[in-house]
C-alpha atoms as a PDB file:
ATOM      1  CA  MET A   1     157.900   3.174 -39.913  1.00  0.00           C
ATOM      2  CA  GLY A   2     154.462   4.206 -41.031  1.00  0.00           C
ATOM      3  CA  PRO A   3     151.210   3.342 -39.277  1.00  0.00           C
ATOM      4  CA  LYS A   4     150.659   0.312 -41.505  1.00  0.00           C
ATOM      5  CA  ASN A   5     154.055  -1.206 -40.661  1.00  0.00           C
ATOM      6  CA  ASN A   6     153.545  -0.489 -36.977  1.00  0.00           C
ATOM      7  CA  SER A   7     150.159  -2.239 -37.113  1.00  0.00           C
ATOM      8  CA  SER A   8     151.711  -5.250 -38.859  1.00  0.00           C
ATOM      9  CA  VAL A   9     154.461  -5.466 -36.263  1.00  0.00           C
ATOM     10  CA  GLU A  10     151.945  -5.210 -33.421  1.00  0.00           C
ATOM     11  CA  ARG A  11     149.797  -7.918 -35.003  1.00  0.00           C
ATOM     12  CA  LEU A  12     152.836 -10.152 -35.501  1.00  0.00           C
ATOM     13  CA  LEU A  13     153.896  -9.575 -31.897  1.00  0.00           C
ATOM     14  CA  ALA A  14     150.411 -10.443 -30.611  1.00  0.00           C
ATOM     15  CA  GLU A  15     150.280 -13.609 -32.729  1.00  0.00           C
ATOM     16  CA  THR A  16     153.741 -14.633 -31.537  1.00  0.00           C
ATOM     17  CA  GLN A  17     152.774 -14.082 -27.905  1.00  0.00           C
ATOM     18  CA  ASP A  18     149.615 -16.154 -28.393  1.00  0.00           C
ATOM     19  CA  LEU A  19     151.584 -18.974 -29.996  1.00  0.00           C
ATOM     20  CA  VAL A  20     154.210 -18.955 -27.244  1.00  0.00           C
ATOM     21  CA  THR A  21     151.469 -19.054 -24.597  1.00  0.00           C
ATOM     22  CA  ARG A  22     149.812 -21.961 -26.402  1.00  0.00           C
ATOM     23  CA  LEU A  23     153.103 -23.861 -26.707  1.00  0.00           C
ATOM     24  CA  LEU A  24     153.870 -23.384 -23.017  1.00  0.00           C
ATOM     25  CA  ARG A  25     150.385 -24.626 -22.062  1.00  0.00           C
ATOM     26  CA  GLU A  26     150.700 -27.666 -24.329  1.00  0.00           C
ATOM     27  CA  ASN A  27     154.191 -28.356 -22.980  1.00  0.00           C
ATOM     28  CA  ARG A  28     152.889 -28.381 -19.397  1.00  0.00           C
ATOM     29  CA  ALA A  29     150.035 -30.708 -20.382  1.00  0.00           C
ATOM     30  CA  LEU A  30     152.433 -33.063 -22.157  1.00  0.00           C
ATOM     31  CA  LYS A  31     154.781 -33.127 -19.162  1.00  0.00           C
ATOM     32  CA  VAL A  32     151.873 -34.135 -16.915  1.00  0.00           C
ATOM     33  CA  LYS A  33     150.792 -36.818 -19.376  1.00  0.00           C
ATOM     34  CA  ASN A  34     154.376 -38.065 -19.676  1.00  0.00           C
ATOM     35  CA  ALA A  35     154.672 -38.342 -15.892  1.00  0.00           C
ATOM     36  CA  LYS A  36     151.419 -40.335 -15.745  1.00  0.00           C
ATOM     37  CA  LEU A  37     152.605 -42.639 -18.515  1.00  0.00           C
ATOM     38  CA  GLY A  38     155.928 -43.120 -16.732  1.00  0.00           C
ATOM     39  CA  ALA A  39     154.119 -44.135 -13.551  1.00  0.00           C
ATOM     40  CA  GLU A  40     151.912 -46.535 -15.513  1.00  0.00           C
ATOM     41  CA  LEU A  41     154.975 -48.044 -17.186  1.00  0.00           C
ATOM     42  CA  ALA A  42     156.602 -48.606 -13.800  1.00  0.00           C
ATOM     43  CA  ARG A  43     153.425 -50.262 -12.496  1.00  0.00           C
ATOM     44  CA  VAL A  44     153.072 -52.539 -15.528  1.00  0.00           C
ATOM     45  CA  SER A  45     156.776 -53.425 -15.492  1.00  0.00           C
ATOM     46  CA  LYS A  46     156.549 -54.440 -11.848  1.00  0.00           C
ATOM     47  CA  GLY A  47     153.532 -56.624 -12.630  1.00  0.00           C
ATOM     48  CA  TRP A  48     155.359 -58.208 -15.556  1.00  0.00           C
ATOM     49  CA  GLU A  49     158.324 -59.041 -13.325  1.00  0.00           C
ATOM     50  CA  GLN A  50     155.924 -60.704 -10.874  1.00  0.00           C
ATOM     51  CA  ILE A  51     154.380 -62.738 -13.699  1.00  0.00           C
ATOM     52  CA  LYS A  52     157.814 -63.913 -14.864  1.00  0.00           C
ATOM     53  CA  ALA A  53     158.764 -64.908 -11.308  1.00  0.00           C
ATOM     54  CA  LEU A  54     155.536 -66.884 -10.887  1.00  0.00           C
ATOM     55  CA  ALA A  55     156.045 -68.575 -14.255  1.00  0.00           C
ATOM     56  CA  LYS A  56     159.483 -69.779 -13.145  1.00  0.00           C
ATOM     57  CA  GLN A  57     157.980 -71.266  -9.987  1.00  0.00           C
ATOM     58  CA  ALA A  58     155.092 -73.002 -11.750  1.00  0.00           C
ATOM     59  CA  PRO A  59     155.328 -76.770 -12.161  1.00  0.00           C
ATOM     60  CA  ARG A  60     156.085 -77.851 -15.688  1.00  0.00           C
ATOM     61  CA  ALA A  61     154.327 -80.627 -17.533  1.00  0.00           C
ATOM     62  CA  ARG A  62     156.550 -83.629 -18.168  1.00  0.00           C
ATOM     63  CA  ARG A  63     157.328 -84.529 -21.732  1.00  0.00           C
ATOM     64  CA  ARG A  64     156.688 -88.083 -22.805  1.00  0.00           C
END
């Protein structure tokens, strides 16, 4: 390989390494966000179950 090809390969390698680093960073950030959303979903689901239970206990208006 000549100097030009070697330079192209080095540039391609550097770009690939940068992209892999970026993907790994974004993946970590998305995993953290996903965990937070999962916790929020669990919290909201629990609240919704409490609302449904209270609705069952509530007195109903009589139909005429």
